C-alpha atoms as a PDB file:
ATOM      1  CA  MET A   1     -13.459   5.232   7.855  1.00  0.00           C
ATOM      2  CA  SER A   2     -12.758   8.202   5.601  1.00  0.00           C
ATOM      3  CA  ASP A   3     -13.354   9.988   2.636  1.00  0.00           C
ATOM      4  CA  VAL A   4      -9.364   8.876   1.982  1.00  0.00           C
ATOM      5  CA  LEU A   5      -9.701   5.581   2.590  1.00  0.00           C
ATOM      6  CA  GLU A   6     -12.889   3.031   1.227  1.00  0.00           C
ATOM      7  CA  ARG A   7     -13.892  -0.630   2.492  1.00  0.00           C
ATOM      8  CA  ALA A   8     -11.516  -3.559   0.527  1.00  0.00           C
ATOM      9  CA  GLU A   9     -14.098  -5.067  -1.669  1.00  0.00           C
ATOM     10  CA  VAL A  10     -14.500  -8.983  -1.290  1.00  0.00           C
ATOM     11  CA  LEU A  11     -13.519 -10.022  -5.505  1.00  0.00           C
ATOM     12  CA  SER A  12     -15.683 -12.097  -7.227  1.00  0.00           C
ATOM     13  CA  LYS A  13     -14.574 -15.700  -8.991  1.00  0.00           C
ATOM     14  CA  LYS A  14     -15.725 -13.174 -12.137  1.00  0.00           C
ATOM     15  CA  ASP A  15     -13.927  -9.653 -10.872  1.00  0.00           C
ATOM     16  CA  THR A  16     -10.679 -11.830 -10.780  1.00  0.00           C
ATOM     17  CA  GLU A  17     -11.042 -13.671 -14.036  1.00  0.00           C
ATOM     18  CA  LEU A  18     -11.971 -10.053 -15.941  1.00  0.00           C
ATOM     19  CA  ALA A  19      -8.616  -8.438 -13.865  1.00  0.00           C
ATOM     20  CA  LYS A  20      -6.197 -11.366 -15.310  1.00  0.00           C
ATOM     21  CA  THR A  21      -7.766 -10.603 -18.811  1.00  0.00           C
ATOM     22  CA  ALA A  22      -7.544  -7.232 -18.732  1.00  0.00           C
ATOM     23  CA  SER A  23      -3.610  -7.377 -17.190  1.00  0.00           C
ATOM     24  CA  ARG A  24      -2.170  -9.245 -19.551  1.00  0.00           C
ATOM     25  CA  LEU A  25      -3.717  -7.518 -22.128  1.00  0.00           C
ATOM     26  CA  LEU A  26      -2.966  -4.097 -20.773  1.00  0.00           C
ATOM     27  CA  SER A  27       0.744  -5.595 -19.803  1.00  0.00           C
ATOM     28  CA  ALA A  28       1.251  -6.221 -24.168  1.00  0.00           C
ATOM     29  CA  GLY A  29       0.933  -2.657 -24.662  1.00  0.00           C
ATOM     30  CA  SER A  30       3.699  -0.053 -24.546  1.00  0.00           C
ATOM     31  CA  GLU A  31       4.435   2.389 -21.557  1.00  0.00           C
ATOM     32  CA  SER A  32       3.066   5.044 -22.878  1.00  0.00           C
ATOM     33  CA  GLU A  33      -0.563   6.556 -22.770  1.00  0.00           C
ATOM     34  CA  LEU A  34      -3.514   4.262 -22.570  1.00  0.00           C
ATOM     35  CA  HIS A  35      -6.925   4.747 -24.997  1.00  0.00           C
ATOM     36  CA  VAL A  36      -9.640   3.439 -23.050  1.00  0.00           C
ATOM     37  CA  LYS A  37     -12.916   3.195 -25.612  1.00  0.00           C
ATOM     38  CA  LEU A  38     -16.010   3.542 -23.435  1.00  0.00           C
ATOM     39  CA  ALA A  39     -19.641   1.888 -23.940  1.00  0.00           C
ATOM     40  CA  ASP A  40     -20.749   4.927 -25.456  1.00  0.00           C
ATOM     41  CA  GLY A  41     -18.503   5.375 -28.134  1.00  0.00           C
ATOM     42  CA  GLN A  42     -16.392   7.755 -26.714  1.00  0.00           C
ATOM     43  CA  GLU A  43     -12.140   7.214 -26.079  1.00  0.00           C
ATOM     44  CA  LEU A  44     -10.212   7.598 -23.376  1.00  0.00           C
ATOM     45  CA  VAL A  45      -6.836   8.807 -23.448  1.00  0.00           C
ATOM     46  CA  LEU A  46      -4.753   8.090 -20.210  1.00  0.00           C
ATOM     47  CA  PRO A  47      -1.637   9.847 -19.169  1.00  0.00           C
ATOM     48  CA  GLY A  48       1.345   7.000 -18.780  1.00  0.00           C
ATOM     49  CA  ALA A  49       1.620   7.355 -15.000  1.00  0.00           C
ATOM     50  CA  ALA A  50      -2.708   6.190 -14.914  1.00  0.00           C
ATOM     51  CA  ALA A  51      -1.705   3.310 -17.470  1.00  0.00           C
ATOM     52  CA  ARG A  52       0.770   1.525 -15.265  1.00  0.00           C
ATOM     53  CA  LEU A  53      -1.317   2.402 -11.615  1.00  0.00           C
ATOM     54  CA  LEU A  54      -4.083   0.670 -13.575  1.00  0.00           C
ATOM     55  CA  ARG A  55      -1.931  -2.516 -15.065  1.00  0.00           C
ATOM     56  CA  ARG A  56      -0.579  -2.815 -11.229  1.00  0.00           C
ATOM     57  CA  LEU A  57      -3.864  -2.381  -9.802  1.00  0.00           C
ATOM     58  CA  LEU A  58      -5.729  -5.497 -12.200  1.00  0.00           C
ATOM     59  CA  THR A  59      -2.587  -7.543 -11.743  1.00  0.00           C
ATOM     60  CA  GLU A  60      -3.218  -7.578  -7.605  1.00  0.00           C
ATOM     61  CA  MET A  61      -6.857  -7.964  -8.087  1.00  0.00           C
ATOM     62  CA  SER A  62      -6.616 -10.373 -10.994  1.00  0.00           C
ATOM     63  CA  LYS A  63      -4.905 -12.464  -8.011  1.00  0.00           C
ATOM     64  CA  GLY A  64      -7.628 -11.473  -5.390  1.00  0.00           C
ATOM     65  CA  ASN A  65      -5.961  -9.404  -3.432  1.00  0.00           C
ATOM     66  CA  ALA A  66      -8.197  -6.428  -2.232  1.00  0.00           C
ATOM     67  CA  VAL A  67      -6.626  -2.874  -3.034  1.00  0.00           C
ATOM     68  CA  THR A  68      -6.676   0.542  -1.410  1.00  0.00           C
ATOM     69  CA  LEU A  69      -5.489   4.062  -3.075  1.00  0.00           C
ATOM     70  CA  ILE A  70      -4.350   5.996  -0.016  1.00  0.00           C
ATOM     71  CA  PRO A  71      -2.853   9.479  -1.288  1.00  0.00           C
ATOM     72  CA  VAL A  72       1.061  10.223   0.052  1.00  0.00           C
ATOM     73  CA  HIS A  73      -0.910  13.650   1.824  1.00  0.00           C
ATOM     74  CA  ALA A  74      -3.507  12.254   3.384  1.00  0.00           C
ATOM     75  CA  GLU A  75      -4.085  12.999   6.922  1.00  0.00           C
ATOM     76  CA  LEU A  76      -4.838   9.113   8.122  1.00  0.00           C
ATOM     77  CA  THR A  77      -6.758   8.751  11.916  1.00  0.00           C
ATOM     78  CA  THR A  78      -5.161   6.140  14.306  1.00  0.00           C
ATOM     79  CA  GLN A  79      -7.080   3.277  13.579  1.00  0.00           C
ATOM     80  CA  GLU A  80      -6.217   4.025   9.827  1.00  0.00           C
ATOM     81  CA  ALA A  81      -2.722   4.268  10.597  1.00  0.00           C
ATOM     82  CA  ALA A  82      -3.128   1.027  12.637  1.00  0.00           C
ATOM     83  CA  ASP A  83      -4.290  -1.342  10.525  1.00  0.00           C
ATOM     84  CA  PHE A  84      -1.882  -0.323   7.306  1.00  0.00           C
ATOM     85  CA  LEU A  85       0.954  -1.094   9.928  1.00  0.00           C
ATOM     86  CA  ASN A  86      -0.661  -4.074  10.944  1.00  0.00           C
ATOM     87  CA  VAL A  87      -0.976  -3.599  14.869  1.00  0.00           C
ATOM     88  CA  SER A  88      -3.111  -2.552  17.464  1.00  0.00           C
ATOM     89  CA  ARG A  89      -4.439   1.055  17.715  1.00  0.00           C
ATOM     90  CA  PRO A  90      -3.030   1.074  22.094  1.00  0.00           C
ATOM     91  CA  HIS A  91       0.311  -0.012  19.934  1.00  0.00           C
ATOM     92  CA  LEU A  92       0.251   2.765  17.561  1.00  0.00           C
ATOM     93  CA  ILE A  93      -0.073   5.411  20.457  1.00  0.00           C
ATOM     94  CA  ALA A  94       2.663   4.245  22.116  1.00  0.00           C
ATOM     95  CA  ILE A  95       4.220   4.771  19.017  1.00  0.00           C
ATOM     96  CA  LEU A  96       3.058   8.198  18.801  1.00  0.00           C
ATOM     97  CA  LYS A  97       3.740   9.254  22.645  1.00  0.00           C
ATOM     98  CA  LYS A  98       7.075   7.610  22.342  1.00  0.00           C
ATOM     99  CA  GLY A  99       7.868  10.304  18.890  1.00  0.00           C
ATOM    100  CA  GLU A 100       9.075   7.621  16.682  1.00  0.00           C
ATOM    101  CA  LEU A 101       6.196   8.980  14.607  1.00  0.00           C
ATOM    102  CA  ARG A 102       5.336  12.204  14.111  1.00  0.00           C
ATOM    103  CA  PHE A 103       1.901  13.583  14.505  1.00  0.00           C
ATOM    104  CA  HIS A 104      -0.431  16.414  14.821  1.00  0.00           C
ATOM    105  CA  MET A 105      -3.516  17.147  16.598  1.00  0.00           C
ATOM    106  CA  VAL A 106      -7.272  18.321  14.725  1.00  0.00           C
ATOM    107  CA  GLY A 107      -9.093  19.117  17.571  1.00  0.00           C
ATOM    108  CA  THR A 108      -8.559  16.615  20.444  1.00  0.00           C
ATOM    109  CA  HIS A 109      -7.881  13.483  17.335  1.00  0.00           C
ATOM    110  CA  ARG A 110      -4.447  12.553  16.220  1.00  0.00           C
ATOM    111  CA  ARG A 111      -3.967  12.303  12.421  1.00  0.00           C
ATOM    112  CA  VAL A 112      -0.713  11.087  10.870  1.00  0.00           C
ATOM    113  CA  ARG A 113       0.369  12.016   7.556  1.00  0.00           C
ATOM    114  CA  PHE A 114       1.071   9.081   5.340  1.00  0.00           C
ATOM    115  CA  ALA A 115       4.034  10.516   3.522  1.00  0.00           C
ATOM    116  CA  ASP A 116       5.135   9.860   7.243  1.00  0.00           C
ATOM    117  CA  LEU A 117       3.455   6.758   8.109  1.00  0.00           C
ATOM    118  CA  ILE A 118       5.563   5.340   5.055  1.00  0.00           C
ATOM    119  CA  ALA A 119       8.838   6.681   6.388  1.00  0.00           C
ATOM    120  CA  TYR A 120       8.278   5.084  10.043  1.00  0.00           C
ATOM    121  CA  GLN A 121       7.267   1.917   8.033  1.00  0.00           C
ATOM    122  CA  ASN A 122      11.051   1.791   5.619  1.00  0.00           C
ATOM    123  CA  LYS A 123      12.886   3.472   8.890  1.00  0.00           C
ATOM    124  CA  PHE A 124      11.147   0.116  11.427  1.00  0.00           C
ATOM    125  CA  GLU A 125      11.789  -2.465   8.306  1.00  0.00           C
ATOM    126  CA  ALA A 126      15.523  -1.028   7.690  1.00  0.00           C
ATOM    127  CA  ARG A 127      16.571  -2.016  11.323  1.00  0.00           C
ATOM    128  CA  ARG A 128      14.952  -5.072  11.195  1.00  0.00           C
ATOM    129  CA  ASN A 129      16.586  -6.034   8.047  1.00  0.00           C
ATOM    130  CA  ALA A 130      20.075  -5.222   9.890  1.00  0.00           C
ATOM    131  CA  ALA A 131      18.985  -6.887  13.007  1.00  0.00           C
ATOM    132  CA  MET A 132      18.269 -10.040  10.801  1.00  0.00           C
ATOM    133  CA  GLU A 133      21.731 -10.232   9.208  1.00  0.00           C
ATOM    134  CA  GLU A 134      23.434  -9.279  12.344  1.00  0.00           C
ATOM    135  CA  LEU A 135      21.824 -12.471  13.533  1.00  0.00           C
ATOM    136  CA  ALA A 136      22.624 -14.805  11.093  1.00  0.00           C
ATOM    137  CA  ALA A 137      25.825 -13.179  10.936  1.00  0.00           C
ATOM    138  CA  GLN A 138      26.471 -14.767  14.851  1.00  0.00           C
ATOM    139  CA  ALA A 139      25.147 -17.892  13.905  1.00  0.00           C
ATOM    140  CA  GLN A 140      27.608 -18.263  10.879  1.00  0.00           C
ATOM    141  CA  GLU A 141      30.526 -17.511  13.389  1.00  0.00           C
ATOM    142  CA  LEU A 142      29.129 -20.064  16.211  1.00  0.00           C
ATOM    143  CA  GLY A 143      28.632 -22.799  13.701  1.00  0.00           C
ATOM    144  CA  MET A 144      24.733 -23.479  13.905  1.00  0.00           C
ATOM    145  CA  GLY A 145      24.804 -24.612  10.559  1.00  0.00           C
ATOM    146  CA  TYR A 146      22.388 -21.323   9.023  1.00  0.00           C
END
């Protein structure tokens, strides 16, 4: 894995419970900056955006879900991009060769910008939703009981 992505850890039951408690406490707070008291007594002030991100992170952890943070400007290997889309690497390579997803070369290796990967995923999702709506409309026209 690159330095952008880290392997997801399996959460222990204790970690899940701690995340659940922390998530509840943070959700009760305000949407502005977050004040955190460190073990050595220092107070750390986090901006509102970091506080919201921390709430979401803890909520997912409380459900036992592993979380990966990926900066929007990140460049992913083809394997990382395939893992993100939940497809095989050869399938991703085919998508790249068809020109459906932008990439660039770094030496002999392909790299995919995370922002481009998200744009591709959103476009694919929109096409899939349109196809499902069309199928549902056809089923209703034919009186298939859906």
